[in-house]
């Protein structure tokens, strides 16, 4: 399972997003057409395949809930998580809370991130990249680490 590439899409009137066919085909059968949709860290949304979300839950559980920082982190991730199963047209609903957080209103950009999919308002992503001076030169050290 590997999600790569980016795809422009539009929300329908019922705030449903059509998962690109390439991403649906990459989803392993064990996920049963189900993703977990939650907030990302960069004013975006993240779609985790069910099997990948189980790994996230295990990692979050390992933090425990005794430390306030851990509780707050877990709460910030899990409270917005929704299990979504796509319909015959590949559509999933996106809640108003998540749309407001990500500033997604109509146009939506789906970005494959290998094990998960990020959903962005295209203007927010452009602004994020501009504000963070994201360029290929910034990634030379990382590219060397992974033998790119």
C-alpha atoms as a PDB file:
ATOM      1  CA  UNK A   1       0.000   0.000   0.000  1.00  0.00           C
ATOM      2  CA  UNK A   2       1.484   3.296  -1.073  1.00  0.00           C
ATOM      3  CA  UNK A   3      -0.180   6.641  -1.684  1.00  0.00           C
ATOM      4  CA  UNK A   4       1.708   8.991  -4.018  1.00  0.00           C
ATOM      5  CA  UNK A   5       0.891  12.002  -6.152  1.00  0.00           C
ATOM      6  CA  UNK A   6      -1.544  14.858  -5.740  1.00  0.00           C
ATOM      7  CA  UNK A   7      -5.073  15.290  -7.016  1.00  0.00           C
ATOM      8  CA  UNK A   8      -7.384  18.296  -7.190  1.00  0.00           C
ATOM      9  CA  UNK A   9     -10.972  17.684  -6.278  1.00  0.00           C
ATOM     10  CA  UNK A  10     -14.145  19.496  -5.226  1.00  0.00           C
ATOM     11  CA  UNK A  11     -16.452  18.868  -2.281  1.00  0.00           C
ATOM     12  CA  UNK A  12     -20.042  18.151  -3.238  1.00  0.00           C
ATOM     13  CA  UNK A  13     -23.080  19.900  -1.684  1.00  0.00           C
ATOM     14  CA  UNK A  14     -23.144  17.378   1.165  1.00  0.00           C
ATOM     15  CA  UNK A  15     -19.469  18.001   2.028  1.00  0.00           C
ATOM     16  CA  UNK A  16     -18.370  14.690   0.585  1.00  0.00           C
ATOM     17  CA  UNK A  17     -14.931  14.189  -0.876  1.00  0.00           C
ATOM     18  CA  UNK A  18     -14.322  11.657  -3.623  1.00  0.00           C
ATOM     19  CA  UNK A  19     -11.145   9.747  -2.853  1.00  0.00           C
ATOM     20  CA  UNK A  20      -9.095   9.503  -6.061  1.00  0.00           C
ATOM     21  CA  UNK A  21      -9.436   6.090  -7.739  1.00  0.00           C
ATOM     22  CA  UNK A  22      -5.646   5.571  -7.603  1.00  0.00           C
ATOM     23  CA  UNK A  23      -5.741   5.911  -3.812  1.00  0.00           C
ATOM     24  CA  UNK A  24      -8.731   3.580  -3.494  1.00  0.00           C
ATOM     25  CA  UNK A  25      -6.938   0.964  -5.602  1.00  0.00           C
ATOM     26  CA  UNK A  26      -3.900   1.243  -3.306  1.00  0.00           C
ATOM     27  CA  UNK A  27      -5.983   0.492  -0.220  1.00  0.00           C
ATOM     28  CA  UNK A  28      -5.457  -3.070   0.993  1.00  0.00           C
ATOM     29  CA  UNK A  29      -8.623  -5.209   1.202  1.00  0.00           C
ATOM     30  CA  UNK A  30      -8.155  -5.655   4.965  1.00  0.00           C
ATOM     31  CA  UNK A  31      -9.112  -1.988   5.396  1.00  0.00           C
ATOM     32  CA  UNK A  32     -12.631  -2.759   4.123  1.00  0.00           C
ATOM     33  CA  UNK A  33     -12.941   0.602   2.282  1.00  0.00           C
ATOM     34  CA  UNK A  34     -12.474   2.362   5.621  1.00  0.00           C
ATOM     35  CA  UNK A  35     -10.245   5.253   6.594  1.00  0.00           C
ATOM     36  CA  UNK A  36      -9.874   7.320   9.734  1.00  0.00           C
ATOM     37  CA  UNK A  37     -10.076  11.046   9.066  1.00  0.00           C
ATOM     38  CA  UNK A  38      -8.592  13.478  11.579  1.00  0.00           C
ATOM     39  CA  UNK A  39      -6.830  16.805  11.926  1.00  0.00           C
ATOM     40  CA  UNK A  40      -3.243  17.128  10.781  1.00  0.00           C
ATOM     41  CA  UNK A  41      -0.628  19.327  12.406  1.00  0.00           C
ATOM     42  CA  UNK A  42      -0.372  21.836   9.544  1.00  0.00           C
ATOM     43  CA  UNK A  43      -3.995  23.046   9.226  1.00  0.00           C
ATOM     44  CA  UNK A  44      -4.758  20.085   7.014  1.00  0.00           C
ATOM     45  CA  UNK A  45      -6.651  16.822   7.372  1.00  0.00           C
ATOM     46  CA  UNK A  46      -5.189  13.324   7.324  1.00  0.00           C
ATOM     47  CA  UNK A  47      -6.822  10.166   6.000  1.00  0.00           C
ATOM     48  CA  UNK A  48      -5.325   7.030   7.542  1.00  0.00           C
ATOM     49  CA  UNK A  49      -6.168   3.581   6.175  1.00  0.00           C
ATOM     50  CA  UNK A  50      -7.743   1.552   8.970  1.00  0.00           C
ATOM     51  CA  UNK A  51      -4.682  -0.700   9.352  1.00  0.00           C
ATOM     52  CA  UNK A  52      -2.366   2.326   9.553  1.00  0.00           C
ATOM     53  CA  UNK A  53      -4.631   3.984  12.137  1.00  0.00           C
ATOM     54  CA  UNK A  54      -4.331   0.896  14.357  1.00  0.00           C
ATOM     55  CA  UNK A  55      -0.564   1.498  14.423  1.00  0.00           C
ATOM     56  CA  UNK A  56      -1.140   5.153  15.345  1.00  0.00           C
ATOM     57  CA  UNK A  57      -3.466   4.082  18.168  1.00  0.00           C
ATOM     58  CA  UNK A  58      -0.865   1.634  19.498  1.00  0.00           C
ATOM     59  CA  UNK A  59       1.769   4.367  19.492  1.00  0.00           C
ATOM     60  CA  UNK A  60      -0.593   6.804  21.227  1.00  0.00           C
ATOM     61  CA  UNK A  61      -1.493   4.160  23.817  1.00  0.00           C
ATOM     62  CA  UNK A  62       2.172   3.658  24.596  1.00  0.00           C
ATOM     63  CA  UNK A  63       2.386   7.291  25.746  1.00  0.00           C
ATOM     64  CA  UNK A  64       0.000   6.657  28.590  1.00  0.00           C
ATOM     65  CA  UNK A  65      -2.201   9.276  30.193  1.00  0.00           C
ATOM     66  CA  UNK A  66      -0.398  10.143  33.414  1.00  0.00           C
ATOM     67  CA  UNK A  67       1.511  13.123  32.004  1.00  0.00           C
ATOM     68  CA  UNK A  68      -0.558  16.150  31.069  1.00  0.00           C
ATOM     69  CA  UNK A  69       1.442  16.660  27.859  1.00  0.00           C
ATOM     70  CA  UNK A  70       0.674  13.092  26.753  1.00  0.00           C
ATOM     71  CA  UNK A  71      -3.043  13.411  27.561  1.00  0.00           C
ATOM     72  CA  UNK A  72      -3.297  16.662  25.637  1.00  0.00           C
ATOM     73  CA  UNK A  73      -1.450  15.229  22.646  1.00  0.00           C
ATOM     74  CA  UNK A  74      -3.615  12.096  22.522  1.00  0.00           C
ATOM     75  CA  UNK A  75      -6.776  14.165  22.962  1.00  0.00           C
ATOM     76  CA  UNK A  76      -5.747  16.533  20.164  1.00  0.00           C
ATOM     77  CA  UNK A  77      -5.358  13.607  17.753  1.00  0.00           C
ATOM     78  CA  UNK A  78      -8.175  11.287  18.777  1.00  0.00           C
ATOM     79  CA  UNK A  79     -11.019  13.694  19.555  1.00  0.00           C
ATOM     80  CA  UNK A  80     -11.326  14.691  15.899  1.00  0.00           C
ATOM     81  CA  UNK A  81     -10.878  11.192  14.466  1.00  0.00           C
ATOM     82  CA  UNK A  82     -13.797   9.825  12.462  1.00  0.00           C
ATOM     83  CA  UNK A  83     -14.117   6.397  10.896  1.00  0.00           C
ATOM     84  CA  UNK A  84     -15.304   6.892   7.317  1.00  0.00           C
ATOM     85  CA  UNK A  85     -16.159   4.236   4.754  1.00  0.00           C
ATOM     86  CA  UNK A  86     -16.353   5.315   1.146  1.00  0.00           C
ATOM     87  CA  UNK A  87     -19.478   4.678  -0.883  1.00  0.00           C
ATOM     88  CA  UNK A  88     -19.784   3.215  -4.386  1.00  0.00           C
ATOM     89  CA  UNK A  89     -18.583   6.505  -5.909  1.00  0.00           C
ATOM     90  CA  UNK A  90     -15.588   6.603  -3.543  1.00  0.00           C
ATOM     91  CA  UNK A  91     -17.007   9.469  -1.453  1.00  0.00           C
ATOM     92  CA  UNK A  92     -16.507  10.109   2.242  1.00  0.00           C
ATOM     93  CA  UNK A  93     -18.234  12.761   4.350  1.00  0.00           C
ATOM     94  CA  UNK A  94     -16.141  15.466   6.020  1.00  0.00           C
ATOM     95  CA  UNK A  95     -17.553  17.060   9.175  1.00  0.00           C
ATOM     96  CA  UNK A  96     -18.007  20.819   9.544  1.00  0.00           C
ATOM     97  CA  UNK A  97     -15.510  20.845  12.431  1.00  0.00           C
ATOM     98  CA  UNK A  98     -12.777  19.388  10.228  1.00  0.00           C
ATOM     99  CA  UNK A  99     -13.669  21.603   7.268  1.00  0.00           C
ATOM    100  CA  UNK A 100     -13.491  24.706   9.460  1.00  0.00           C
ATOM    101  CA  UNK A 101     -10.142  23.681  10.936  1.00  0.00           C
ATOM    102  CA  UNK A 102      -8.593  23.065   7.505  1.00  0.00           C
ATOM    103  CA  UNK A 103     -10.332  26.009   5.816  1.00  0.00           C
ATOM    104  CA  UNK A 104     -11.515  23.632   3.098  1.00  0.00           C
ATOM    105  CA  UNK A 105     -14.686  25.033   1.566  1.00  0.00           C
ATOM    106  CA  UNK A 106     -14.923  23.816  -2.023  1.00  0.00           C
ATOM    107  CA  UNK A 107     -11.567  22.991  -3.598  1.00  0.00           C
ATOM    108  CA  UNK A 108      -9.586  20.225  -1.989  1.00  0.00           C
ATOM    109  CA  UNK A 109      -6.124  18.893  -2.754  1.00  0.00           C
ATOM    110  CA  UNK A 110      -5.347  15.259  -1.889  1.00  0.00           C
ATOM    111  CA  UNK A 111      -1.631  14.583  -1.394  1.00  0.00           C
ATOM    112  CA  UNK A 112      -0.305  11.033  -1.112  1.00  0.00           C
ATOM    113  CA  UNK A 113       2.082  10.631   1.836  1.00  0.00           C
ATOM    114  CA  UNK A 114       3.028   6.962   1.351  1.00  0.00           C
ATOM    115  CA  UNK A 115       1.054   5.449   4.294  1.00  0.00           C
ATOM    116  CA  UNK A 116      -1.584   8.159   4.553  1.00  0.00           C
ATOM    117  CA  UNK A 117      -3.267  10.907   2.556  1.00  0.00           C
ATOM    118  CA  UNK A 118      -3.263  14.609   3.399  1.00  0.00           C
ATOM    119  CA  UNK A 119      -6.227  16.796   2.451  1.00  0.00           C
ATOM    120  CA  UNK A 120      -5.578  20.508   1.976  1.00  0.00           C
ATOM    121  CA  UNK A 121      -7.211  23.715   0.977  1.00  0.00           C
ATOM    122  CA  UNK A 122      -4.882  24.457  -1.993  1.00  0.00           C
ATOM    123  CA  UNK A 123      -4.428  28.089  -0.896  1.00  0.00           C
ATOM    124  CA  UNK A 124      -3.480  27.028   2.645  1.00  0.00           C
ATOM    125  CA  UNK A 125      -0.900  24.551   1.304  1.00  0.00           C
ATOM    126  CA  UNK A 126       0.569  27.186  -1.014  1.00  0.00           C
ATOM    127  CA  UNK A 127       0.786  29.659   1.869  1.00  0.00           C
ATOM    128  CA  UNK A 128       2.288  26.996   4.159  1.00  0.00           C
ATOM    129  CA  UNK A 129       4.983  26.157   1.609  1.00  0.00           C
ATOM    130  CA  UNK A 130       5.727  29.834   1.017  1.00  0.00           C
ATOM    131  CA  UNK A 131       5.903  30.652   4.757  1.00  0.00           C
ATOM    132  CA  UNK A 132       8.167  27.681   5.427  1.00  0.00           C
ATOM    133  CA  UNK A 133      10.463  28.396   2.468  1.00  0.00           C
ATOM    134  CA  UNK A 134       9.999  24.865   1.218  1.00  0.00           C
ATOM    135  CA  UNK A 135      12.367  24.186  -1.643  1.00  0.00           C
ATOM    136  CA  UNK A 136      14.393  21.287  -2.980  1.00  0.00           C
ATOM    137  CA  UNK A 137      17.573  22.820  -1.545  1.00  0.00           C
ATOM    138  CA  UNK A 138      16.142  22.428   1.958  1.00  0.00           C
ATOM    139  CA  UNK A 139      15.899  18.700   1.469  1.00  0.00           C
ATOM    140  CA  UNK A 140      19.444  17.857   0.344  1.00  0.00           C
ATOM    141  CA  UNK A 141      20.506  16.585   3.774  1.00  0.00           C
ATOM    142  CA  UNK A 142      17.419  14.417   4.100  1.00  0.00           C
ATOM    143  CA  UNK A 143      17.840  13.087   0.561  1.00  0.00           C
ATOM    144  CA  UNK A 144      21.370  12.018   1.438  1.00  0.00           C
ATOM    145  CA  UNK A 145      20.123  10.243   4.580  1.00  0.00           C
ATOM    146  CA  UNK A 146      17.697   8.081   2.612  1.00  0.00           C
ATOM    147  CA  UNK A 147      19.913   7.634  -0.444  1.00  0.00           C
ATOM    148  CA  UNK A 148      17.422   9.417  -2.704  1.00  0.00           C
END
